[in-house]
PDB file of all heavy atoms in Angstrom:
ATOM      1  N   GLY A   1      -5.464 -21.025  15.276  1.00  0.00           N
ATOM      2  CA  GLY A   1      -4.456 -21.841  15.943  1.00  0.00           C
ATOM      3  C   GLY A   1      -4.856 -23.290  16.122  1.00  0.00           C
ATOM      4  O   GLY A   1      -4.038 -24.101  16.578  1.00  0.00           O
ATOM      5  N   TYR A   2      -6.101 -23.634  15.775  1.00  0.00           N
ATOM      6  CA  TYR A   2      -6.538 -25.032  15.908  1.00  0.00           C
ATOM      7  C   TYR A   2      -6.186 -25.774  14.623  1.00  0.00           C
ATOM      8  O   TYR A   2      -6.670 -25.439  13.545  1.00  0.00           O
ATOM      9  CB  TYR A   2      -8.043 -25.089  16.156  1.00  0.00           C
ATOM     10  CG  TYR A   2      -8.566 -26.495  16.343  1.00  0.00           C
ATOM     11  CD1 TYR A   2      -8.318 -27.204  17.507  1.00  0.00           C
ATOM     12  CD2 TYR A   2      -9.301 -27.116  15.336  1.00  0.00           C
ATOM     13  CE1 TYR A   2      -8.782 -28.491  17.676  1.00  0.00           C
ATOM     14  CE2 TYR A   2      -9.786 -28.404  15.495  1.00  0.00           C
ATOM     15  CZ  TYR A   2      -9.520 -29.083  16.675  1.00  0.00           C
ATOM     16  OH  TYR A   2      -9.991 -30.370  16.836  1.00  0.00           O
ATOM     17  N   GLU A   3      -5.348 -26.780  14.737  1.00  0.00           N
ATOM     18  CA  GLU A   3      -4.902 -27.556  13.581  1.00  0.00           C
ATOM     19  C   GLU A   3      -5.727 -28.833  13.494  1.00  0.00           C
ATOM     20  O   GLU A   3      -5.449 -29.824  14.150  1.00  0.00           O
ATOM     21  CB  GLU A   3      -3.409 -27.870  13.709  1.00  0.00           C
ATOM     22  CG  GLU A   3      -2.523 -26.631  13.741  1.00  0.00           C
ATOM     23  CD  GLU A   3      -1.062 -26.973  13.876  1.00  0.00           C
ATOM     24  OE1 GLU A   3      -0.761 -28.186  14.014  1.00  0.00           O
ATOM     25  OE2 GLU A   3      -0.222 -26.059  13.864  1.00  0.00           O
ATOM     26  N   PHE A   4      -6.750 -28.805  12.666  1.00  0.00           N
ATOM     27  CA  PHE A   4      -7.600 -29.987  12.478  1.00  0.00           C
ATOM     28  C   PHE A   4      -7.063 -30.835  11.333  1.00  0.00           C
ATOM     29  O   PHE A   4      -6.304 -30.365  10.478  1.00  0.00           O
ATOM     30  CB  PHE A   4      -9.041 -29.551  12.197  1.00  0.00           C
ATOM     31  CG  PHE A   4      -9.214 -28.777  10.920  1.00  0.00           C
ATOM     32  CD1 PHE A   4      -9.603 -29.409   9.749  1.00  0.00           C
ATOM     33  CD2 PHE A   4      -8.985 -27.401  10.880  1.00  0.00           C
ATOM     34  CE1 PHE A   4      -9.751 -28.706   8.571  1.00  0.00           C
ATOM     35  CE2 PHE A   4      -9.147 -26.688   9.716  1.00  0.00           C
ATOM     36  CZ  PHE A   4      -9.515 -27.344   8.545  1.00  0.00           C
ATOM     37  N   ASP A   5      -7.472 -32.099  11.308  1.00  0.00           N
ATOM     38  CA  ASP A   5      -7.062 -33.020  10.252  1.00  0.00           C
ATOM     39  C   ASP A   5      -8.113 -33.122   9.151  1.00  0.00           C
ATOM     40  O   ASP A   5      -7.782 -33.148   7.971  1.00  0.00           O
ATOM     41  CB  ASP A   5      -6.795 -34.409  10.842  1.00  0.00           C
ATOM     42  CG  ASP A   5      -5.690 -34.366  11.900  1.00  0.00           C
ATOM     43  OD1 ASP A   5      -4.642 -33.754  11.620  1.00  0.00           O
ATOM     44  OD2 ASP A   5      -5.897 -34.917  13.000  1.00  0.00           O
ATOM     45  N   GLU A   6      -9.364 -33.184   9.543  1.00  0.00           N
ATOM     46  CA  GLU A   6     -10.469 -33.207   8.597  1.00  0.00           C
ATOM     47  C   GLU A   6     -11.684 -32.592   9.282  1.00  0.00           C
ATOM     48  O   GLU A   6     -11.689 -32.342  10.496  1.00  0.00           O
ATOM     49  CB  GLU A   6     -10.785 -34.635   8.132  1.00  0.00           C
ATOM     50  CG  GLU A   6     -11.223 -35.564   9.263  1.00  0.00           C
ATOM     51  CD  GLU A   6     -11.629 -36.928   8.758  1.00  0.00           C
ATOM     52  OE1 GLU A   6     -12.110 -36.992   7.608  1.00  0.00           O
ATOM     53  OE2 GLU A   6     -11.457 -37.913   9.514  1.00  0.00           O
ATOM     54  N   GLY A   7     -12.702 -32.361   8.505  1.00  0.00           N
ATOM     55  CA  GLY A   7     -13.891 -31.753   9.084  1.00  0.00           C
ATOM     56  C   GLY A   7     -15.065 -31.826   8.122  1.00  0.00           C
ATOM     57  O   GLY A   7     -14.991 -32.414   7.035  1.00  0.00           O
ATOM     58  N   SER A   8     -16.176 -31.199   8.555  1.00  0.00           N
ATOM     59  CA  SER A   8     -17.403 -31.184   7.762  1.00  0.00           C
ATOM     60  C   SER A   8     -18.081 -29.838   7.928  1.00  0.00           C
ATOM     61  O   SER A   8     -18.075 -29.263   9.025  1.00  0.00           O
ATOM     62  CB  SER A   8     -18.351 -32.313   8.194  1.00  0.00           C
ATOM     63  OG  SER A   8     -17.727 -33.572   8.087  1.00  0.00           O
ATOM     64  N   VAL A   9     -18.651 -29.359   6.836  1.00  0.00           N
ATOM     65  CA  VAL A   9     -19.486 -28.153   6.858  1.00  0.00           C
ATOM     66  C   VAL A   9     -20.935 -28.614   6.774  1.00  0.00           C
ATOM     67  O   VAL A   9     -21.348 -29.205   5.765  1.00  0.00           O
ATOM     68  CB  VAL A   9     -19.145 -27.205   5.698  1.00  0.00           C
ATOM     69  CG1 VAL A   9     -20.038 -25.968   5.750  1.00  0.00           C
ATOM     70  CG2 VAL A   9     -17.682 -26.806   5.744  1.00  0.00           C
ATOM     71  N   ILE A  10     -21.697 -28.374   7.817  1.00  0.00           N
ATOM     72  CA  ILE A  10     -23.088 -28.826   7.898  1.00  0.00           C
ATOM     73  C   ILE A  10     -23.995 -27.636   7.605  1.00  0.00           C
ATOM     74  O   ILE A  10     -23.881 -26.594   8.250  1.00  0.00           O
ATOM     75  CB  ILE A  10     -23.387 -29.436   9.280  1.00  0.00           C
ATOM     76  CG1 ILE A  10     -22.457 -30.630   9.524  1.00  0.00           C
ATOM     77  CG2 ILE A  10     -24.840 -29.865   9.393  1.00  0.00           C
ATOM     78  CD1 ILE A  10     -22.558 -31.229  10.902  1.00  0.00           C
ATOM     79  N   TYR A  11     -24.880 -27.796   6.671  1.00  0.00           N
ATOM     80  CA  TYR A  11     -25.746 -26.705   6.225  1.00  0.00           C
ATOM     81  C   TYR A  11     -27.069 -27.285   5.737  1.00  0.00           C
ATOM     82  O   TYR A  11     -27.232 -28.516   5.638  1.00  0.00           O
ATOM     83  CB  TYR A  11     -25.058 -25.936   5.083  1.00  0.00           C
ATOM     84  CG  TYR A  11     -24.851 -26.766   3.829  1.00  0.00           C
ATOM     85  CD1 TYR A  11     -25.721 -26.659   2.755  1.00  0.00           C
ATOM     86  CD2 TYR A  11     -23.798 -27.680   3.739  1.00  0.00           C
ATOM     87  CE1 TYR A  11     -25.559 -27.431   1.613  1.00  0.00           C
ATOM     88  CE2 TYR A  11     -23.623 -28.449   2.610  1.00  0.00           C
ATOM     89  CZ  TYR A  11     -24.491 -28.328   1.555  1.00  0.00           C
ATOM     90  OH  TYR A  11     -24.328 -29.100   0.438  1.00  0.00           O
ATOM     91  N   ASN A  12     -28.016 -26.405   5.408  1.00  0.00           N
ATOM     92  CA  ASN A  12     -29.301 -26.814   4.853  1.00  0.00           C
ATOM     93  C   ASN A  12     -29.273 -26.615   3.342  1.00  0.00           C
ATOM     94  O   ASN A  12     -29.133 -25.486   2.861  1.00  0.00           O
ATOM     95  CB  ASN A  12     -30.449 -25.998   5.464  1.00  0.00           C
ATOM     96  CG  ASN A  12     -30.703 -26.375   6.902  1.00  0.00           C
ATOM     97  OD1 ASN A  12     -30.833 -27.543   7.242  1.00  0.00           O
ATOM     98  ND2 ASN A  12     -30.768 -25.386   7.772  1.00  0.00           N
ATOM     99  N   ARG A  13     -29.403 -27.702   2.607  1.00  0.00           N
ATOM    100  CA  ARG A  13     -29.375 -27.636   1.143  1.00  0.00           C
ATOM    101  C   ARG A  13     -30.788 -27.395   0.621  1.00  0.00           C
ATOM    102  O   ARG A  13     -31.722 -28.135   0.943  1.00  0.00           O
ATOM    103  CB  ARG A  13     -28.797 -28.926   0.550  1.00  0.00           C
ATOM    104  CG  ARG A  13     -28.748 -28.938  -0.978  1.00  0.00           C
ATOM    105  CD  ARG A  13     -27.897 -30.102  -1.461  1.00  0.00           C
ATOM    106  NE  ARG A  13     -28.394 -31.372  -0.984  1.00  0.00           N
ATOM    107  CZ  ARG A  13     -29.351 -32.084  -1.605  1.00  0.00           C
ATOM    108  NH1 ARG A  13     -29.912 -31.629  -2.715  1.00  0.00           N
ATOM    109  NH2 ARG A  13     -29.725 -33.246  -1.114  1.00  0.00           N
ATOM    110  N   PHE A  14     -30.926 -26.377  -0.195  1.00  0.00           N
ATOM    111  CA  PHE A  14     -32.235 -26.010  -0.733  1.00  0.00           C
ATOM    112  C   PHE A  14     -32.663 -27.011  -1.798  1.00  0.00           C
ATOM    113  O   PHE A  14     -31.901 -27.357  -2.697  1.00  0.00           O
ATOM    114  CB  PHE A  14     -32.158 -24.597  -1.330  1.00  0.00           C
ATOM    115  CG  PHE A  14     -33.414 -24.165  -2.029  1.00  0.00           C
ATOM    116  CD1 PHE A  14     -34.526 -23.776  -1.303  1.00  0.00           C
ATOM    117  CD2 PHE A  14     -33.481 -24.151  -3.414  1.00  0.00           C
ATOM    118  CE1 PHE A  14     -35.681 -23.379  -1.945  1.00  0.00           C
ATOM    119  CE2 PHE A  14     -34.624 -23.750  -4.059  1.00  0.00           C
ATOM    120  CZ  PHE A  14     -35.729 -23.367  -3.325  1.00  0.00           C
ATOM    121  N   ARG A  15     -33.931 -27.469  -1.681  1.00  0.00           N
ATOM    122  CA  ARG A  15     -34.486 -28.402  -2.659  1.00  0.00           C
ATOM    123  C   ARG A  15     -35.682 -27.801  -3.397  1.00  0.00           C
ATOM    124  O   ARG A  15     -35.773 -27.870  -4.602  1.00  0.00           O
ATOM    125  CB  ARG A  15     -34.903 -29.703  -1.964  1.00  0.00           C
ATOM    126  CG  ARG A  15     -33.740 -30.406  -1.276  1.00  0.00           C
ATOM    127  CD  ARG A  15     -34.192 -31.623  -0.489  1.00  0.00           C
ATOM    128  NE  ARG A  15     -34.704 -32.678  -1.364  1.00  0.00           N
ATOM    129  CZ  ARG A  15     -35.167 -33.833  -0.912  1.00  0.00           C
ATOM    130  NH1 ARG A  15     -35.177 -34.084   0.395  1.00  0.00           N
ATOM    131  NH2 ARG A  15     -35.618 -34.744  -1.747  1.00  0.00           N
ATOM    132  N   SER A  16     -36.605 -27.214  -2.669  1.00  0.00           N
ATOM    133  CA  SER A  16     -37.755 -26.539  -3.279  1.00  0.00           C
ATOM    134  C   SER A  16     -38.265 -25.503  -2.291  1.00  0.00           C
ATOM    135  O   SER A  16     -37.692 -25.315  -1.208  1.00  0.00           O
ATOM    136  CB  SER A  16     -38.852 -27.541  -3.655  1.00  0.00           C
ATOM    137  OG  SER A  16     -39.409 -28.125  -2.488  1.00  0.00           O
ATOM    138  N   VAL A  17     -39.371 -24.850  -2.643  1.00  0.00           N
ATOM    139  CA  VAL A  17     -39.906 -23.802  -1.771  1.00  0.00           C
ATOM    140  C   VAL A  17     -40.327 -24.367  -0.425  1.00  0.00           C
ATOM    141  O   VAL A  17     -40.212 -23.693   0.605  1.00  0.00           O
ATOM    142  CB  VAL A  17     -41.102 -23.105  -2.462  1.00  0.00           C
ATOM    143  CG1 VAL A  17     -41.638 -21.984  -1.599  1.00  0.00           C
ATOM    144  CG2 VAL A  17     -40.683 -22.566  -3.811  1.00  0.00           C
ATOM    145  N   ILE A  18     -40.790 -25.593  -0.406  1.00  0.00           N
ATOM    146  CA  ILE A  18     -41.300 -26.188   0.830  1.00  0.00           C
ATOM    147  C   ILE A  18     -40.400 -27.311   1.339  1.00  0.00           C
ATOM    148  O   ILE A  18     -40.796 -28.058   2.240  1.00  0.00           O
ATOM    149  CB  ILE A  18     -42.727 -26.727   0.627  1.00  0.00           C
ATOM    150  CG1 ILE A  18     -42.746 -27.760  -0.507  1.00  0.00           C
ATOM    151  CG2 ILE A  18     -43.697 -25.595   0.349  1.00  0.00           C
ATOM    152  CD1 ILE A  18     -44.082 -28.440  -0.698  1.00  0.00           C
ATOM    153  N   SER A  19     -39.212 -27.447   0.775  1.00  0.00           N
ATOM    154  CA  SER A  19     -38.377 -28.576   1.152  1.00  0.00           C
ATOM    155  C   SER A  19     -36.905 -28.170   1.185  1.00  0.00           C
ATOM    156  O   SER A  19     -36.431 -27.412   0.337  1.00  0.00           O
ATOM    157  CB  SER A  19     -38.570 -29.735   0.169  1.00  0.00           C
ATOM    158  OG  SER A  19     -37.710 -30.814   0.462  1.00  0.00           O
ATOM    159  N   TYR A  20     -36.201 -28.680   2.172  1.00  0.00           N
ATOM    160  CA  TYR A  20     -34.751 -28.538   2.284  1.00  0.00           C
ATOM    161  C   TYR A  20     -34.214 -29.776   2.997  1.00  0.00           C
ATOM    162  O   TYR A  20     -34.969 -30.530   3.632  1.00  0.00           O
ATOM    163  CB  TYR A  20     -34.371 -27.268   3.061  1.00  0.00           C
ATOM    164  CG  TYR A  20     -34.856 -27.248   4.485  1.00  0.00           C
ATOM    165  CD1 TYR A  20     -34.073 -27.773   5.519  1.00  0.00           C
ATOM    166  CD2 TYR A  20     -36.085 -26.714   4.823  1.00  0.00           C
ATOM    167  CE1 TYR A  20     -34.512 -27.778   6.821  1.00  0.00           C
ATOM    168  CE2 TYR A  20     -36.538 -26.710   6.111  1.00  0.00           C
ATOM    169  CZ  TYR A  20     -35.746 -27.237   7.118  1.00  0.00           C
ATOM    170  OH  TYR A  20     -36.195 -27.246   8.412  1.00  0.00           O
ATOM    171  N   LYS A  21     -32.932 -29.986   2.878  1.00  0.00           N
ATOM    172  CA  LYS A  21     -32.309 -31.164   3.468  1.00  0.00           C
ATOM    173  C   LYS A  21     -31.004 -30.768   4.138  1.00  0.00           C
ATOM    174  O   LYS A  21     -30.199 -30.037   3.556  1.00  0.00           O
ATOM    175  CB  LYS A  21     -32.044 -32.226   2.399  1.00  0.00           C
ATOM    176  CG  LYS A  21     -31.404 -33.499   2.945  1.00  0.00           C
ATOM    177  CD  LYS A  21     -31.127 -34.490   1.832  1.00  0.00           C
ATOM    178  CE  LYS A  21     -30.461 -35.749   2.376  1.00  0.00           C
ATOM    179  NZ  LYS A  21     -30.148 -36.712   1.291  1.00  0.00           N
ATOM    180  N   THR A  22     -30.803 -31.234   5.349  1.00  0.00           N
ATOM    181  CA  THR A  22     -29.556 -30.970   6.061  1.00  0.00           C
ATOM    182  C   THR A  22     -28.450 -31.842   5.471  1.00  0.00           C
ATOM    183  O   THR A  22     -28.548 -33.071   5.483  1.00  0.00           O
ATOM    184  CB  THR A  22     -29.718 -31.259   7.561  1.00  0.00           C
ATOM    185  OG1 THR A  22     -30.790 -30.472   8.081  1.00  0.00           O
ATOM    186  CG2 THR A  22     -28.453 -30.912   8.311  1.00  0.00           C
ATOM    187  N   ASP A  23     -27.436 -31.203   4.937  1.00  0.00           N
ATOM    188  CA  ASP A  23     -26.362 -31.907   4.230  1.00  0.00           C
ATOM    189  C   ASP A  23     -25.018 -31.461   4.789  1.00  0.00           C
ATOM    190  O   ASP A  23     -24.943 -30.542   5.614  1.00  0.00           O
ATOM    191  CB  ASP A  23     -26.446 -31.599   2.735  1.00  0.00           C
ATOM    192  CG  ASP A  23     -25.776 -32.676   1.900  1.00  0.00           C
ATOM    193  OD1 ASP A  23     -25.168 -33.586   2.488  1.00  0.00           O
ATOM    194  OD2 ASP A  23     -25.852 -32.590   0.651  1.00  0.00           O
ATOM    195  N   GLU A  24     -23.953 -32.105   4.343  1.00  0.00           N
ATOM    196  CA  GLU A  24     -22.610 -31.728   4.788  1.00  0.00           C
ATOM    197  C   GLU A  24     -21.602 -31.934   3.667  1.00  0.00           C
ATOM    198  O   GLU A  24     -21.778 -32.797   2.809  1.00  0.00           O
ATOM    199  CB  GLU A  24     -22.202 -32.528   6.031  1.00  0.00           C
ATOM    200  CG  GLU A  24     -22.134 -34.024   5.845  1.00  0.00           C
ATOM    201  CD  GLU A  24     -21.733 -34.731   7.121  1.00  0.00           C
ATOM    202  OE1 GLU A  24     -22.591 -34.878   7.997  1.00  0.00           O
ATOM    203  OE2 GLU A  24     -20.547 -35.134   7.218  1.00  0.00           O
ATOM    204  N   LYS A  25     -20.567 -31.109   3.699  1.00  0.00           N
ATOM    205  CA  LYS A  25     -19.478 -31.180   2.734  1.00  0.00           C
ATOM    206  C   LYS A  25     -18.170 -31.374   3.488  1.00  0.00           C
ATOM    207  O   LYS A  25     -17.966 -30.770   4.560  1.00  0.00           O
ATOM    208  CB  LYS A  25     -19.404 -29.905   1.901  1.00  0.00           C
ATOM    209  CG  LYS A  25     -20.606 -29.658   1.008  1.00  0.00           C
ATOM    210  CD  LYS A  25     -20.714 -30.705  -0.091  1.00  0.00           C
ATOM    211  CE  LYS A  25     -21.878 -30.398  -1.019  1.00  0.00           C
ATOM    212  NZ  LYS A  25     -22.053 -31.449  -2.052  1.00  0.00           N
ATOM    213  N   PRO A  26     -17.242 -32.179   2.965  1.00  0.00           N
ATOM    214  CA  PRO A  26     -15.985 -32.438   3.676  1.00  0.00           C
ATOM    215  C   PRO A  26     -14.972 -31.317   3.469  1.00  0.00           C
ATOM    216  O   PRO A  26     -14.957 -30.644   2.435  1.00  0.00           O
ATOM    217  CB  PRO A  26     -15.493 -33.745   3.047  1.00  0.00           C
ATOM    218  CG  PRO A  26     -16.039 -33.694   1.655  1.00  0.00           C
ATOM    219  CD  PRO A  26     -17.366 -32.996   1.738  1.00  0.00           C
ATOM    220  N   ILE A  27     -14.151 -31.119   4.451  1.00  0.00           N
ATOM    221  CA  ILE A  27     -13.000 -30.223   4.352  1.00  0.00           C
ATOM    222  C   ILE A  27     -11.796 -30.945   4.955  1.00  0.00           C
ATOM    223  O   ILE A  27     -11.944 -31.815   5.823  1.00  0.00           O
ATOM    224  CB  ILE A  27     -13.236 -28.871   5.069  1.00  0.00           C
ATOM    225  CG1 ILE A  27     -13.599 -29.108   6.544  1.00  0.00           C
ATOM    226  CG2 ILE A  27     -14.302 -28.056   4.377  1.00  0.00           C
ATOM    227  CD1 ILE A  27     -13.704 -27.822   7.355  1.00  0.00           C
ATOM    228  N   PHE A  28     -10.613 -30.577   4.461  1.00  0.00           N
ATOM    229  CA  PHE A  28      -9.390 -31.222   4.931  1.00  0.00           C
ATOM    230  C   PHE A  28      -8.328 -30.169   5.191  1.00  0.00           C
ATOM    231  O   PHE A  28      -8.345 -29.086   4.588  1.00  0.00           O
ATOM    232  CB  PHE A  28      -8.869 -32.235   3.895  1.00  0.00           C
ATOM    233  CG  PHE A  28      -9.827 -33.345   3.584  1.00  0.00           C
ATOM    234  CD1 PHE A  28     -10.655 -33.274   2.475  1.00  0.00           C
ATOM    235  CD2 PHE A  28      -9.913 -34.461   4.403  1.00  0.00           C
ATOM    236  CE1 PHE A  28     -11.542 -34.294   2.175  1.00  0.00           C
ATOM    237  CE2 PHE A  28     -10.798 -35.485   4.120  1.00  0.00           C
ATOM    238  CZ  PHE A  28     -11.623 -35.401   3.003  1.00  0.00           C
ATOM    239  N   SER A  29      -7.426 -30.503   6.061  1.00  0.00           N
ATOM    240  CA  SER A  29      -6.322 -29.590   6.361  1.00  0.00           C
ATOM    241  C   SER A  29      -5.279 -29.668   5.257  1.00  0.00           C
ATOM    242  O   SER A  29      -5.287 -30.566   4.405  1.00  0.00           O
ATOM    243  CB  SER A  29      -5.692 -29.957   7.703  1.00  0.00           C
ATOM    244  OG  SER A  29      -5.099 -31.249   7.642  1.00  0.00           O
ATOM    245  N   LEU A  30      -4.352 -28.710   5.284  1.00  0.00           N
ATOM    246  CA  LEU A  30      -3.291 -28.683   4.274  1.00  0.00           C
ATOM    247  C   LEU A  30      -2.409 -29.910   4.380  1.00  0.00           C
ATOM    248  O   LEU A  30      -1.993 -30.486   3.356  1.00  0.00           O
ATOM    249  CB  LEU A  30      -2.459 -27.410   4.456  1.00  0.00           C
ATOM    250  CG  LEU A  30      -1.271 -27.233   3.498  1.00  0.00           C
ATOM    251  CD1 LEU A  30      -1.767 -27.169   2.055  1.00  0.00           C
ATOM    252  CD2 LEU A  30      -0.483 -25.978   3.864  1.00  0.00           C
ATOM    253  N   GLU A  31      -2.118 -30.357   5.595  1.00  0.00           N
ATOM    254  CA  GLU A  31      -1.266 -31.529   5.776  1.00  0.00           C
ATOM    255  C   GLU A  31      -1.937 -32.792   5.243  1.00  0.00           C
ATOM    256  O   GLU A  31      -1.294 -33.662   4.654  1.00  0.00           O
ATOM    257  CB  GLU A  31      -0.924 -31.704   7.255  1.00  0.00           C
ATOM    258  CG  GLU A  31       0.027 -30.658   7.818  1.00  0.00           C
ATOM    259  CD  GLU A  31      -0.637 -29.310   8.029  1.00  0.00           C
ATOM    260  OE1 GLU A  31      -1.887 -29.260   7.959  1.00  0.00           O
ATOM    261  OE2 GLU A  31       0.077 -28.315   8.240  1.00  0.00           O
ATOM    262  N   THR A  32      -3.266 -32.891   5.440  1.00  0.00           N
ATOM    263  CA  THR A  32      -3.980 -34.070   4.945  1.00  0.00           C
ATOM    264  C   THR A  32      -3.988 -34.107   3.427  1.00  0.00           C
ATOM    265  O   THR A  32      -3.785 -35.161   2.811  1.00  0.00           O
ATOM    266  CB  THR A  32      -5.420 -34.062   5.476  1.00  0.00           C
ATOM    267  OG1 THR A  32      -5.397 -34.024   6.909  1.00  0.00           O
ATOM    268  CG2 THR A  32      -6.166 -35.305   5.024  1.00  0.00           C
ATOM    269  N   VAL A  33      -4.205 -32.935   2.804  1.00  0.00           N
ATOM    270  CA  VAL A  33      -4.204 -32.884   1.339  1.00  0.00           C
ATOM    271  C   VAL A  33      -2.817 -33.162   0.787  1.00  0.00           C
ATOM    272  O   VAL A  33      -2.652 -33.918  -0.190  1.00  0.00           O
ATOM    273  CB  VAL A  33      -4.713 -31.500   0.861  1.00  0.00           C
ATOM    274  CG1 VAL A  33      -4.610 -31.382  -0.659  1.00  0.00           C
ATOM    275  CG2 VAL A  33      -6.154 -31.275   1.306  1.00  0.00           C
ATOM    276  N   ALA A  34      -1.786 -32.572   1.393  1.00  0.00           N
ATOM    277  CA  ALA A  34      -0.421 -32.773   0.896  1.00  0.00           C
ATOM    278  C   ALA A  34       0.050 -34.204   1.079  1.00  0.00           C
ATOM    279  O   ALA A  34       0.867 -34.703   0.291  1.00  0.00           O
ATOM    280  CB  ALA A  34       0.527 -31.816   1.616  1.00  0.00           C
ATOM    281  N   GLY A  35      -0.480 -34.883   2.084  1.00  0.00           N
ATOM    282  CA  GLY A  35      -0.056 -36.260   2.337  1.00  0.00           C
ATOM    283  C   GLY A  35      -0.843 -37.305   1.589  1.00  0.00           C
ATOM    284  O   GLY A  35      -0.617 -38.507   1.794  1.00  0.00           O
ATOM    285  N   SER A  36      -1.752 -36.886   0.725  1.00  0.00           N
ATOM    286  CA  SER A  36      -2.548 -37.857  -0.024  1.00  0.00           C
ATOM    287  C   SER A  36      -1.699 -38.540  -1.089  1.00  0.00           C
ATOM    288  O   SER A  36      -0.909 -37.899  -1.793  1.00  0.00           O
ATOM    289  CB  SER A  36      -3.741 -37.155  -0.682  1.00  0.00           C
ATOM    290  OG  SER A  36      -4.475 -38.068  -1.469  1.00  0.00           O
ATOM    291  N   GLU A  37      -1.858 -39.845  -1.226  1.00  0.00           N
ATOM    292  CA  GLU A  37      -1.074 -40.606  -2.199  1.00  0.00           C
ATOM    293  C   GLU A  37      -1.521 -40.321  -3.630  1.00  0.00           C
ATOM    294  O   GLU A  37      -0.721 -40.364  -4.561  1.00  0.00           O
ATOM    295  CB  GLU A  37      -1.192 -42.101  -1.908  1.00  0.00           C
ATOM    296  CG  GLU A  37      -0.643 -42.501  -0.548  1.00  0.00           C
ATOM    297  CD  GLU A  37      -0.824 -43.984  -0.282  1.00  0.00           C
ATOM    298  OE1 GLU A  37      -1.446 -44.658  -1.142  1.00  0.00           O
ATOM    299  OE2 GLU A  37      -0.353 -44.457   0.769  1.00  0.00           O
ATOM    300  N   SER A  38      -2.817 -40.020  -3.816  1.00  0.00           N
ATOM    301  CA  SER A  38      -3.328 -39.809  -5.171  1.00  0.00           C
ATOM    302  C   SER A  38      -3.056 -38.418  -5.697  1.00  0.00           C
ATOM    303  O   SER A  38      -3.415 -38.106  -6.840  1.00  0.00           O
ATOM    304  CB  SER A  38      -4.845 -40.074  -5.192  1.00  0.00           C
ATOM    305  OG  SER A  38      -5.133 -41.379  -4.775  1.00  0.00           O
ATOM    306  N   LEU A  39      -2.443 -37.559  -4.890  1.00  0.00           N
ATOM    307  CA  LEU A  39      -2.174 -36.191  -5.337  1.00  0.00           C
ATOM    308  C   LEU A  39      -1.092 -36.139  -6.412  1.00  0.00           C
ATOM    309  O   LEU A  39      -0.951 -35.127  -7.100  1.00  0.00           O
ATOM    310  CB  LEU A  39      -1.764 -35.330  -4.134  1.00  0.00           C
ATOM    311  CG  LEU A  39      -1.753 -33.813  -4.343  1.00  0.00           C
ATOM    312  CD1 LEU A  39      -3.162 -33.289  -4.634  1.00  0.00           C
ATOM    313  CD2 LEU A  39      -1.174 -33.099  -3.119  1.00  0.00           C
ATOM    314  N   SER A  40      -0.381 -37.235  -6.596  1.00  0.00           N
ATOM    315  CA  SER A  40       0.703 -37.257  -7.576  1.00  0.00           C
ATOM    316  C   SER A  40       0.202 -37.199  -9.019  1.00  0.00           C
ATOM    317  O   SER A  40       1.008 -37.010  -9.941  1.00  0.00           O
ATOM    318  CB  SER A  40       1.550 -38.520  -7.390  1.00  0.00           C
ATOM    319  OG  SER A  40       0.737 -39.680  -7.524  1.00  0.00           O
TER     320      SER A  40
END
């Protein structure tokens, strides 16, 4: 029931056996994607 406009998925990206990096990926709501001008 929560209608967000945009967001981020924050996770640990694997780099090597002894190394990782905290990274994030974007997410968007259906309304934000549908309202994009470049979607045409």
